Amino acid sequence: MTEPQATTTKQLYDYQEEDLQKIFKYLNEAPDDFNLLYQLPTGGGKTVVFSEIVRRYLKQTDKKVMILTHRIELCHQTSRILKGFGVRNKIINSKVKSLPENNNYQCFVAMVETLNNRLNDEVFEVSNVGLVIIDEAHYNSFTKLFKFFKDSFILGVTATPLSSNIKLPMKDNYQALVVGHSISWLIEHGFLARANTYGYNVKLSSLQVGINGDYTVKSSEDLYTDMTMQSKLLQAYEERCKGEKTLIFNNGINTSWFVYETFKQAGYEIRHLDNTHSKQDRADILNWFREKPDAILTSVSILTTGFDEPDVRNIILNRATKSLTLYYQMIGRGSRRLPDKEEFNIIDLGNNAARFGLWDGPVDWELIFENPDYFLENLIDDESIERNFKYEMPKEVRELFKNSKDIEFDIKSAYEKAINNGCKSKEVLDESIEQHARMCKENSEDVFDARILAKELKDDIRDRVRRYSYCIINNTKNYRDWLFEDYYRKLRLRINEMFME
């Protein structure tokens, strides 16, 4: 005889109850074999919502529920929350070889690979399953199990209804989408922390895209292990995060170890974590991270799901990604709201906010669900993002030109003015050279000092040359290199002329 479900004392928030009612409308009115997808942002309480769905479903029917996850941590986390709702459940893991006590449970929580192996080997059969809930449904590993539950109502749950495999869109497996409240709404009503996003422009032209549609680990590590990027990361940390709990995401284990060494050498206490660590090492590292208020943890993608440390104050994206799902998963690790935590920082070192929009910006999930190809094809490409980069002179360089009030020069505006006045476009660079030469003269005692000072302007010159090349629609690397050399030569000559005058 089936053991009755205990009565829960947990209460859903109004917005969660509203979503639950929408889902139950499908459960009550749609065919038994209907596939429904439910979207709610990370931190919105997806597991809480579907746990209450399970409780009510079991109370109303005599059928069973199967919940599928892709990681063992999520299995245990889901099982605990279900028990909190009074739902007695059994985890099907690698240790469970058979289910002789099948009838004693109405709810099962299983890892997808384990259940797939058991069902394919015909070791056991879970019968009378009326509802299948798939957590993190955007992963495609779940679809191979659909054949075992052809007569069941399938509820997929995700923060991002965009398939991890562009060749297998979610609309092919789900017939409808229920969209929950937005991130901005959850922030406004006090359920999520407000994000302060700080972007540090990074040139990504060296990155390559792999067959999975995202940047390759190899090309990412070549870029992010470079000392220039390591210095930029350390500078960003010290400017925005110092003294607060910080989580750093990298694309590649080698990059994470480089980050570890960089911070250690700078005198900071930091730990590294990746999927090669033992279960005990992982537990020890995460325990250290929880207990230390100013802990710094550098990792790869291992902490994007199944990890919850509400007191994280800073999320550093020390990588670029073309995965919208990964973008939201990484940032979501810092979005938990606490009584003493109303906001958190996002440090973007991969131009990700420029590619996808701000984390709390509006997103048309219906459009993404129905037309994923359109969404992916219209993502802003890296070259377009970099066109909008604005060079900011480092403080130490600005100090060398402290006698110059005006150091800015708008190439695009100057170009448009020149064209409208019928002048040659090259006059724009001549005008820019004039300003740079004047800056060198104003901050030097003689021509030799000025020519040495001109070397400090090379990054500014490259930025101006790049902007000019966009204006004239000739953006080849060879042409930009030639323009730079020509510009620098003319600058030195103009400095000589100024001192002779």
Protein backbone atom coordinates (compact mmCIF):
# COMPACT_ATOMS: atom_id res chain seq x y z
CA MET A 1 0.00 0.00 0.00
CA THR A 2 1.29 3.45 -0.93
CA GLU A 3 2.37 5.63 1.96
CA PRO A 4 0.31 8.85 2.10
CA GLN A 5 2.08 12.12 1.39
CA ALA A 6 2.77 14.29 4.43
CA THR A 7 1.18 17.69 4.64
CA THR A 8 3.52 20.56 3.81
CA THR A 9 3.72 23.83 5.66
CA LYS A 10 5.69 25.57 2.91
CA GLN A 11 4.00 28.45 1.16
CA LEU A 12 4.65 29.65 -2.37
CA TYR A 13 5.04 33.31 -3.23
CA ASP A 14 2.18 34.83 -5.20
CA TYR A 15 4.15 34.85 -8.46
CA GLN A 16 5.06 31.18 -8.00
CA GLU A 17 1.43 30.27 -7.31
CA GLU A 18 0.44 32.18 -10.44
CA ASP A 19 2.85 30.12 -12.55
CA LEU A 20 1.71 26.92 -10.87
CA GLN A 21 -1.90 27.63 -11.82
CA LYS A 22 -0.89 28.13 -15.47
CA ILE A 23 0.93 24.80 -15.44
CA PHE A 24 -1.97 22.97 -13.82
CA LYS A 25 -4.29 24.34 -16.47
CA TYR A 26 -2.26 22.35 -19.00
CA LEU A 27 -2.10 19.34 -16.68
CA ASN A 28 -5.88 19.33 -16.33
CA GLU A 29 -6.87 20.22 -19.89
CA ALA A 30 -4.09 19.00 -22.23
CA PRO A 31 -3.69 15.38 -23.37
CA ASP A 32 -1.90 12.99 -20.99
CA ASP A 33 1.13 12.86 -23.31
CA PHE A 34 1.53 16.65 -23.63
CA ASN A 35 5.02 18.22 -23.38
CA LEU A 36 5.18 21.62 -21.63
CA LEU A 37 8.18 23.86 -21.00
CA TYR A 38 8.34 26.25 -18.02
CA GLN A 39 10.80 29.17 -17.85
CA LEU A 40 11.77 30.97 -14.63
CA PRO A 41 15.04 32.83 -13.92
CA THR A 42 17.73 31.33 -11.72
CA GLY A 43 16.87 32.28 -8.15
CA GLY A 44 13.15 32.45 -8.90
CA GLY A 45 12.50 29.09 -7.23
CA LYS A 46 11.90 26.62 -10.07
CA THR A 47 12.54 23.62 -7.81
CA VAL A 48 10.13 25.00 -5.21
CA VAL A 49 7.42 25.44 -7.84
CA PHE A 50 7.71 21.95 -9.31
CA SER A 51 7.98 20.40 -5.81
CA GLU A 52 4.59 21.89 -4.97
CA ILE A 53 3.30 20.69 -8.35
CA VAL A 54 4.42 17.16 -7.42
CA ARG A 55 2.73 17.39 -4.02
CA ARG A 56 -0.60 18.50 -5.50
CA TYR A 57 -0.38 16.11 -8.43
CA LEU A 58 0.14 13.09 -6.16
CA LYS A 59 -2.72 14.24 -3.97
CA GLN A 60 -5.07 14.50 -6.97
CA THR A 61 -4.08 11.35 -8.88
CA ASP A 62 -2.99 7.78 -8.27
CA LYS A 63 -0.11 8.07 -10.74
CA LYS A 64 3.60 8.42 -10.06
CA VAL A 65 6.11 11.19 -10.76
CA MET A 66 9.61 10.90 -12.20
CA ILE A 67 12.02 13.84 -11.83
CA LEU A 68 15.13 13.86 -14.02
CA THR A 69 18.35 15.80 -13.43
CA HIS A 70 21.75 15.74 -15.11
CA ARG A 71 23.98 15.91 -12.01
CA ILE A 72 24.06 14.01 -8.73
CA GLU A 73 24.21 17.27 -6.73
CA LEU A 74 20.90 18.32 -8.27
CA CYS A 75 19.42 14.92 -7.42
CA HIS A 76 20.15 15.34 -3.72
CA GLN A 77 19.14 19.00 -3.70
CA THR A 78 15.82 18.20 -5.39
CA SER A 79 15.18 15.26 -3.06
CA ARG A 80 15.70 17.49 0.02
CA ILE A 81 13.32 20.15 -1.24
CA LEU A 82 10.68 17.54 -2.09
CA LYS A 83 10.92 16.17 1.46
CA GLY A 84 10.45 19.72 2.72
CA PHE A 85 7.16 19.72 0.83
CA GLY A 86 6.19 16.44 2.42
CA VAL A 87 6.86 14.37 -0.71
CA ARG A 88 8.45 11.02 0.10
CA ASN A 89 10.82 10.19 -2.75
CA LYS A 90 13.56 7.81 -3.80
CA ILE A 91 16.79 8.73 -5.59
CA ILE A 92 17.74 6.38 -8.42
CA ASN A 93 21.53 6.56 -8.53
CA SER A 94 24.30 4.19 -9.59
CA LYS A 95 23.85 2.15 -6.39
CA VAL A 96 20.22 1.35 -7.16
CA LYS A 97 20.26 -1.80 -9.30
CA SER A 98 16.59 -2.70 -8.96
CA LEU A 99 13.34 -1.43 -7.51
CA PRO A 100 11.73 -4.25 -5.53
CA GLU A 101 10.06 -1.66 -3.30
CA ASN A 102 8.66 0.16 -6.35
CA ASN A 103 5.15 0.44 -4.96
CA ASN A 104 6.33 2.11 -1.75
CA TYR A 105 7.23 5.29 -3.62
CA GLN A 106 5.13 7.65 -5.68
CA CYS A 107 8.01 9.97 -6.60
CA PHE A 108 11.47 9.19 -7.99
CA VAL A 109 14.47 11.46 -8.59
CA ALA A 110 16.97 10.11 -11.10
CA MET A 111 20.09 11.08 -12.98
CA VAL A 112 19.37 10.86 -16.68
CA GLU A 113 22.30 8.57 -17.54
CA THR A 114 21.61 6.18 -14.67
CA LEU A 115 17.93 5.84 -15.48
CA ASN A 116 18.65 5.47 -19.18
CA ASN A 117 21.05 2.60 -18.47
CA ARG A 118 18.61 0.86 -16.14
CA LEU A 119 15.69 1.14 -18.54
CA ASN A 120 17.73 0.08 -21.57
CA ASP A 121 19.11 -2.91 -19.68
CA GLU A 122 15.55 -3.73 -18.63
CA VAL A 123 16.81 -4.08 -15.05
CA PHE A 124 13.62 -2.49 -13.76
CA GLU A 125 10.57 -0.70 -14.97
CA VAL A 126 8.91 2.27 -13.35
CA SER A 127 5.24 1.86 -14.20
CA ASN A 128 2.24 4.15 -13.96
CA VAL A 129 4.26 7.37 -14.32
CA GLY A 130 1.82 10.15 -15.15
CA LEU A 131 4.16 13.13 -14.79
CA VAL A 132 7.82 13.50 -15.77
CA ILE A 133 9.64 16.66 -14.66
CA ILE A 134 12.92 17.53 -16.34
CA ASP A 135 15.15 19.98 -14.47
CA GLU A 136 17.59 22.08 -16.55
CA ALA A 137 15.60 20.98 -19.59
CA HIS A 138 17.79 22.88 -22.08
CA TYR A 139 20.30 20.00 -21.91
CA ASN A 140 19.60 17.54 -24.71
CA SER A 141 20.67 14.45 -22.79
CA PHE A 142 17.08 14.07 -21.57
CA THR A 143 15.46 13.54 -24.97
CA LYS A 144 16.69 9.92 -25.20
CA LEU A 145 14.41 9.08 -22.28
CA PHE A 146 11.25 10.43 -23.88
CA LYS A 147 10.61 7.08 -25.59
CA PHE A 148 10.14 5.43 -22.17
CA PHE A 149 7.48 7.95 -21.15
CA LYS A 150 5.41 8.29 -24.33
CA ASP A 151 2.14 8.30 -22.41
CA SER A 152 3.27 10.70 -19.65
CA PHE A 153 2.86 14.45 -19.30
CA ILE A 154 6.37 15.91 -19.57
CA LEU A 155 7.18 19.21 -17.84
CA GLY A 156 10.55 20.70 -18.75
CA VAL A 157 11.92 23.38 -16.42
CA THR A 158 14.66 25.85 -17.32
CA ALA A 159 15.85 29.42 -16.86
CA THR A 160 16.70 29.64 -20.56
CA PRO A 161 14.44 27.87 -23.10
CA LEU A 162 17.24 27.63 -25.66
CA SER A 163 18.65 24.21 -26.48
CA SER A 164 22.30 23.48 -25.74
CA ASN A 165 22.40 21.87 -29.19
CA ILE A 166 21.44 24.25 -32.00
CA LYS A 167 20.52 21.24 -34.17
CA LEU A 168 17.89 20.09 -31.64
CA PRO A 169 15.65 23.10 -30.89
CA MET A 170 13.41 22.81 -27.84
CA LYS A 171 10.28 23.54 -29.86
CA ASP A 172 10.75 20.09 -31.46
CA ASN A 173 10.26 18.40 -28.08
CA TYR A 174 7.86 20.78 -26.30
CA GLN A 175 4.49 21.95 -27.56
CA ALA A 176 4.05 25.06 -25.42
CA LEU A 177 5.99 27.45 -23.19
CA VAL A 178 4.94 29.04 -19.90
CA VAL A 179 7.06 32.13 -19.21
CA GLY A 180 7.54 33.15 -15.58
CA HIS A 181 8.27 36.60 -14.21
CA SER A 182 11.34 38.43 -15.52
CA ILE A 183 14.60 39.09 -13.72
CA SER A 184 13.81 42.81 -13.54
CA TRP A 185 10.42 42.06 -11.94
CA LEU A 186 12.02 39.73 -9.38
CA ILE A 187 14.58 42.43 -8.55
CA GLU A 188 11.95 45.15 -8.26
CA HIS A 189 9.89 43.04 -5.86
CA GLY A 190 12.84 42.08 -3.68
CA PHE A 191 13.36 38.45 -4.73
CA LEU A 192 16.71 38.89 -6.52
CA ALA A 193 19.68 41.18 -5.88
CA ARG A 194 20.32 44.12 -8.18
CA ALA A 195 23.34 43.81 -10.46
CA ASN A 196 26.04 46.39 -11.12
CA THR A 197 27.68 45.43 -14.40
CA TYR A 198 31.21 46.59 -15.20
CA GLY A 199 32.57 45.85 -18.65
CA TYR A 200 36.28 45.73 -19.47
CA ASN A 201 36.75 45.79 -23.23
CA VAL A 202 38.57 42.72 -24.51
CA LYS A 203 39.62 42.12 -28.11
CA LEU A 204 38.41 38.62 -29.00
CA SER A 205 39.64 38.40 -32.59
CA SER A 206 41.97 35.51 -31.69
CA LEU A 207 39.12 33.32 -30.38
CA GLN A 208 37.84 30.45 -32.49
CA VAL A 209 34.36 28.92 -32.45
CA GLY A 210 34.07 25.14 -32.11
CA ILE A 211 31.49 22.69 -33.43
CA ASN A 212 29.31 23.25 -30.36
CA GLY A 213 28.88 26.90 -31.35
CA ASP A 214 30.94 28.33 -28.48
CA TYR A 215 34.52 29.55 -28.22
CA THR A 216 37.06 26.74 -28.01
CA VAL A 217 38.95 26.10 -24.79
CA LYS A 218 42.29 26.17 -26.63
CA SER A 219 41.82 29.62 -28.19
CA SER A 220 40.33 30.96 -24.94
CA GLU A 221 43.28 29.75 -22.90
CA ASP A 222 45.74 31.29 -25.37
CA LEU A 223 44.06 34.65 -24.80
CA TYR A 224 43.22 34.55 -21.10
CA THR A 225 46.53 33.10 -19.88
CA ASP A 226 48.35 36.04 -21.46
CA MET A 227 49.86 38.31 -18.82
CA THR A 228 48.01 41.33 -20.20
CA MET A 229 44.67 39.63 -19.52
CA GLN A 230 45.84 38.36 -16.14
CA SER A 231 46.80 41.92 -15.19
CA LYS A 232 43.45 43.23 -16.41
CA LEU A 233 41.66 40.62 -14.29
CA LEU A 234 43.66 41.49 -11.18
CA GLN A 235 43.09 45.19 -11.76
CA ALA A 236 39.34 44.65 -12.15
CA TYR A 237 39.23 42.64 -8.92
CA GLU A 238 41.11 45.31 -6.99
CA GLU A 239 38.92 48.09 -8.39
CA ARG A 240 35.53 46.47 -7.79
CA CYS A 241 35.71 43.32 -5.63
CA LYS A 242 38.54 43.54 -3.12
CA GLY A 243 37.66 42.21 0.31
CA GLU A 244 34.38 40.55 -0.77
CA LYS A 245 33.42 36.98 -1.63
CA THR A 246 34.24 36.54 -5.33
CA LEU A 247 33.60 33.76 -7.83
CA ILE A 248 35.65 33.70 -11.05
CA PHE A 249 34.53 31.70 -14.11
CA ASN A 250 37.08 30.63 -16.74
CA ASN A 251 37.01 28.67 -19.99
CA GLY A 252 39.68 26.05 -19.35
CA ILE A 253 41.47 24.48 -16.39
CA ASN A 254 44.85 25.97 -17.35
CA THR A 255 43.38 29.47 -17.31
CA SER A 256 41.94 28.89 -13.84
CA TRP A 257 45.33 27.74 -12.55
CA PHE A 258 46.96 30.83 -14.09
CA VAL A 259 44.39 32.96 -12.24
CA TYR A 260 45.19 31.09 -9.03
CA GLU A 261 48.92 31.79 -9.38
CA THR A 262 48.37 35.45 -10.33
CA PHE A 263 46.27 36.12 -7.24
CA LYS A 264 48.57 34.12 -4.96
CA GLN A 265 51.57 36.14 -6.12
CA ALA A 266 49.59 39.33 -5.47
CA GLY A 267 49.10 38.20 -1.86
CA TYR A 268 45.46 37.08 -2.01
CA GLU A 269 44.06 33.88 -0.52
CA ILE A 270 42.41 31.98 -3.37
CA ARG A 271 41.35 28.42 -4.23
CA HIS A 272 40.98 26.65 -7.58
CA LEU A 273 38.25 24.11 -8.38
CA ASP A 274 37.59 21.97 -11.45
CA ASN A 275 35.95 18.66 -12.31
CA THR A 276 39.15 16.68 -11.67
CA HIS A 277 38.95 17.31 -7.93
CA SER A 278 37.81 14.45 -5.71
CA LYS A 279 34.45 14.62 -3.97
CA GLN A 280 36.15 15.32 -0.65
CA ASP A 281 38.43 18.04 -2.08
CA ARG A 282 35.43 19.69 -3.69
CA ALA A 283 33.52 19.63 -0.40
CA ASP A 284 36.52 21.08 1.50
CA ILE A 285 37.04 23.88 -1.03
CA LEU A 286 33.36 24.85 -1.10
CA ASN A 287 33.20 24.78 2.70
CA TRP A 288 36.20 27.12 2.83
CA PHE A 289 34.51 29.38 0.29
CA ARG A 290 31.31 29.53 2.36
CA GLU A 291 33.03 30.31 5.65
CA LYS A 292 35.58 32.91 4.50
CA PRO A 293 33.92 36.34 3.96
CA ASP A 294 36.54 37.55 1.43
CA ALA A 295 37.16 34.20 -0.26
CA ILE A 296 38.17 34.10 -3.93
CA LEU A 297 37.31 30.95 -5.88
CA THR A 298 38.46 30.42 -9.46
CA SER A 299 36.81 27.63 -11.40
CA VAL A 300 35.70 26.33 -14.77
CA SER A 301 32.01 25.58 -15.57
CA ILE A 302 31.58 23.17 -12.66
CA LEU A 303 29.71 25.70 -10.47
CA THR A 304 27.12 26.88 -13.00
CA THR A 305 24.41 24.50 -11.68
CA GLY A 306 23.80 22.62 -8.44
CA PHE A 307 25.82 25.18 -6.45
CA ASP A 308 24.30 27.77 -4.17
CA GLU A 309 26.28 30.21 -2.04
CA PRO A 310 23.96 33.21 -1.48
CA ASP A 311 26.69 35.40 0.01
CA VAL A 312 28.66 35.70 -3.27
CA ARG A 313 29.10 39.45 -3.86
CA ASN A 314 31.06 39.41 -7.10
CA ILE A 315 30.83 37.33 -10.27
CA ILE A 316 33.81 37.69 -12.60
CA LEU A 317 33.29 36.39 -16.14
CA ASN A 318 36.93 35.81 -17.04
CA ARG A 319 35.83 34.33 -20.35
CA ALA A 320 33.70 34.98 -23.39
CA THR A 321 30.79 32.74 -24.33
CA LYS A 322 28.27 32.50 -27.12
CA SER A 323 25.95 30.44 -24.89
CA LEU A 324 23.04 32.49 -23.58
CA THR A 325 22.30 29.73 -21.06
CA LEU A 326 25.83 29.73 -19.66
CA TYR A 327 25.77 33.53 -19.45
CA TYR A 328 22.69 33.45 -17.21
CA GLN A 329 23.89 30.44 -15.22
CA MET A 330 27.20 32.06 -14.29
CA ILE A 331 25.66 35.36 -13.23
CA GLY A 332 22.86 33.57 -11.40
CA ARG A 333 25.38 32.29 -8.84
CA GLY A 334 25.57 35.81 -7.40
CA SER A 335 21.95 36.93 -7.71
CA ARG A 336 20.58 35.58 -4.42
CA ARG A 337 19.03 38.27 -2.24
CA LEU A 338 19.88 38.45 1.48
CA PRO A 339 18.85 40.89 4.23
CA ASP A 340 22.32 42.48 4.02
CA LYS A 341 22.80 41.93 0.29
CA GLU A 342 20.64 43.99 -2.04
CA GLU A 343 23.12 44.11 -4.92
CA PHE A 344 26.11 42.32 -6.41
CA ASN A 345 28.76 43.04 -9.04
CA ILE A 346 29.24 41.49 -12.46
CA ILE A 347 32.74 41.96 -13.85
CA ASP A 348 32.60 41.19 -17.57
CA LEU A 349 35.94 40.38 -19.22
CA GLY A 350 34.45 38.76 -22.32
CA ASN A 351 32.15 41.41 -23.85
CA ASN A 352 29.25 39.15 -22.84
CA ALA A 353 26.86 41.93 -21.80
CA ALA A 354 27.44 43.60 -25.16
CA ARG A 355 26.66 40.30 -26.90
CA PHE A 356 23.52 39.29 -24.98
CA GLY A 357 22.40 42.45 -23.24
CA LEU A 358 22.45 43.18 -19.52
CA TRP A 359 21.56 40.28 -17.22
CA ASP A 360 18.42 42.05 -16.02
CA GLY A 361 17.44 43.40 -19.44
CA PRO A 362 14.24 42.41 -21.29
CA VAL A 363 14.27 39.05 -23.12
CA ASP A 364 11.60 37.71 -25.47
CA TRP A 365 11.67 34.04 -24.42
CA GLU A 366 8.70 33.22 -26.64
CA LEU A 367 10.66 34.41 -29.69
CA ILE A 368 13.76 32.48 -28.63
CA PHE A 369 11.69 29.33 -28.08
CA GLU A 370 9.85 29.58 -31.39
CA ASN A 371 12.75 30.91 -33.50
CA PRO A 372 16.08 29.92 -31.93
CA ASP A 373 17.89 30.14 -35.27
CA TYR A 374 16.76 33.73 -35.76
CA PHE A 375 18.00 34.64 -32.29
CA LEU A 376 21.39 32.97 -32.74
CA GLU A 377 21.94 34.39 -36.21
CA ASN A 378 21.26 37.92 -34.98
CA LEU A 379 23.64 37.93 -32.04
CA ILE A 380 26.03 40.87 -32.25
CA ASP A 381 29.33 39.62 -33.63
CA ASP A 382 32.64 40.36 -31.95
CA GLU A 383 33.81 42.78 -34.64
CA SER A 384 30.68 44.90 -34.23
CA ILE A 385 31.11 44.89 -30.47
CA GLU A 386 34.73 45.97 -30.74
CA ARG A 387 33.80 48.82 -33.06
CA ASN A 388 32.09 50.46 -30.11
CA PHE A 389 35.06 50.07 -27.77
CA LYS A 390 36.21 53.36 -26.35
CA TYR A 391 39.86 53.65 -25.43
CA GLU A 392 40.39 54.80 -21.87
CA MET A 393 43.85 56.10 -21.07
CA PRO A 394 45.29 54.32 -18.00
CA LYS A 395 45.75 56.51 -14.92
CA GLU A 396 49.52 56.20 -14.98
CA VAL A 397 49.64 57.31 -18.65
CA ARG A 398 47.16 60.15 -18.04
CA GLU A 399 49.46 61.41 -15.30
CA LEU A 400 52.26 61.78 -17.87
CA PHE A 401 49.98 64.15 -19.83
CA LYS A 402 48.64 66.06 -16.83
CA ASN A 403 49.38 69.45 -18.43
CA SER A 404 46.95 68.70 -21.28
CA LYS A 405 43.30 69.41 -20.58
CA ASP A 406 42.00 67.87 -23.81
CA ILE A 407 43.12 64.33 -24.60
CA GLU A 408 39.94 63.08 -26.32
CA PHE A 409 39.42 62.97 -30.08
CA ASP A 410 36.24 61.71 -31.74
CA ILE A 411 37.42 60.13 -35.01
CA LYS A 412 33.92 59.34 -36.26
CA SER A 413 32.59 62.88 -35.73
CA ALA A 414 35.71 64.39 -37.28
CA TYR A 415 35.36 62.05 -40.29
CA GLU A 416 31.70 62.95 -40.84
CA LYS A 417 32.53 66.66 -40.58
CA ALA A 418 35.37 66.35 -43.09
CA ILE A 419 33.21 64.47 -45.63
CA ASN A 420 30.35 66.95 -45.26
CA ASN A 421 32.80 69.82 -45.92
CA GLY A 422 34.20 68.11 -49.00
CA CYS A 423 37.60 67.49 -47.44
CA LYS A 424 39.78 64.42 -47.82
CA SER A 425 39.33 61.75 -45.14
CA LYS A 426 43.08 61.72 -44.41
CA GLU A 427 42.72 65.21 -42.92
CA VAL A 428 41.04 63.52 -39.95
CA LEU A 429 44.26 61.69 -39.07
CA ASP A 430 46.30 64.89 -39.65
CA GLU A 431 44.09 66.66 -37.13
CA SER A 432 44.50 63.79 -34.68
CA ILE A 433 48.28 63.82 -35.12
CA GLU A 434 48.29 67.55 -34.41
CA GLN A 435 46.52 67.00 -31.10
CA HIS A 436 48.86 64.16 -30.06
CA ALA A 437 51.93 66.21 -30.94
CA ARG A 438 50.60 69.14 -28.90
CA MET A 439 50.03 66.82 -25.92
CA CYS A 440 53.64 65.63 -26.13
CA LYS A 441 55.00 69.18 -26.33
CA GLU A 442 52.86 70.44 -23.44
CA ASN A 443 54.26 67.80 -21.12
CA SER A 444 57.95 67.80 -22.12
CA GLU A 445 60.95 70.05 -21.55
CA ASP A 446 62.59 69.28 -24.89
CA VAL A 447 62.11 67.37 -28.12
CA PHE A 448 63.83 64.27 -26.76
CA ASP A 449 61.40 63.99 -23.83
CA ALA A 450 58.48 64.59 -26.20
CA ARG A 451 59.55 61.79 -28.55
CA ILE A 452 59.90 59.41 -25.62
CA LEU A 453 56.46 60.48 -24.39
CA ALA A 454 54.95 59.75 -27.81
CA LYS A 455 55.63 56.04 -27.21
CA GLU A 456 53.07 56.12 -24.40
CA LEU A 457 50.37 57.04 -26.95
CA LYS A 458 50.66 53.86 -29.02
CA ASP A 459 47.49 52.27 -27.63
CA ASP A 460 45.56 55.49 -28.18
CA ILE A 461 46.95 55.71 -31.73
CA ARG A 462 45.94 52.13 -32.53
CA ASP A 463 42.42 52.86 -31.27
CA ARG A 464 42.12 55.99 -33.43
CA VAL A 465 43.49 54.16 -36.48
CA ARG A 466 41.02 51.34 -35.89
CA ARG A 467 38.10 53.77 -35.71
CA TYR A 468 39.28 55.55 -38.83
CA SER A 469 39.54 52.24 -40.74
CA TYR A 470 35.90 51.48 -39.86
CA CYS A 471 34.87 54.88 -41.21
CA ILE A 472 36.52 54.32 -44.59
CA ILE A 473 35.42 50.64 -44.66
CA ASN A 474 38.93 49.27 -44.96
CA ASN A 475 39.51 47.25 -41.85
CA THR A 476 42.14 44.73 -42.93
CA LYS A 477 44.92 44.11 -40.42
CA ASN A 478 47.66 44.92 -42.95
CA TYR A 479 46.09 48.27 -43.73
CA ARG A 480 45.63 49.13 -40.04
CA ASP A 481 49.28 48.20 -39.35
CA TRP A 482 50.43 50.43 -42.22
CA LEU A 483 48.26 53.30 -41.01
CA PHE A 484 49.69 52.97 -37.50
CA GLU A 485 53.30 53.07 -38.70
CA ASP A 486 52.56 56.04 -40.96
CA TYR A 487 50.73 57.86 -38.15
CA TYR A 488 53.55 57.31 -35.66
CA ARG A 489 56.20 58.45 -38.15
CA LYS A 490 54.25 61.65 -38.89
CA LEU A 491 53.73 62.24 -35.17
CA ARG A 492 57.48 62.20 -34.50
CA LEU A 493 58.07 64.58 -37.41
CA ARG A 494 55.37 66.94 -36.19
CA ILE A 495 56.88 66.93 -32.68
CA ASN A 496 60.24 67.95 -34.19
CA GLU A 497 58.56 70.76 -36.12
CA MET A 498 56.78 72.09 -33.04
CA PHE A 499 59.99 72.42 -31.06
CA MET A 500 61.76 74.06 -34.04
CA GLU A 501 58.93 76.57 -34.26
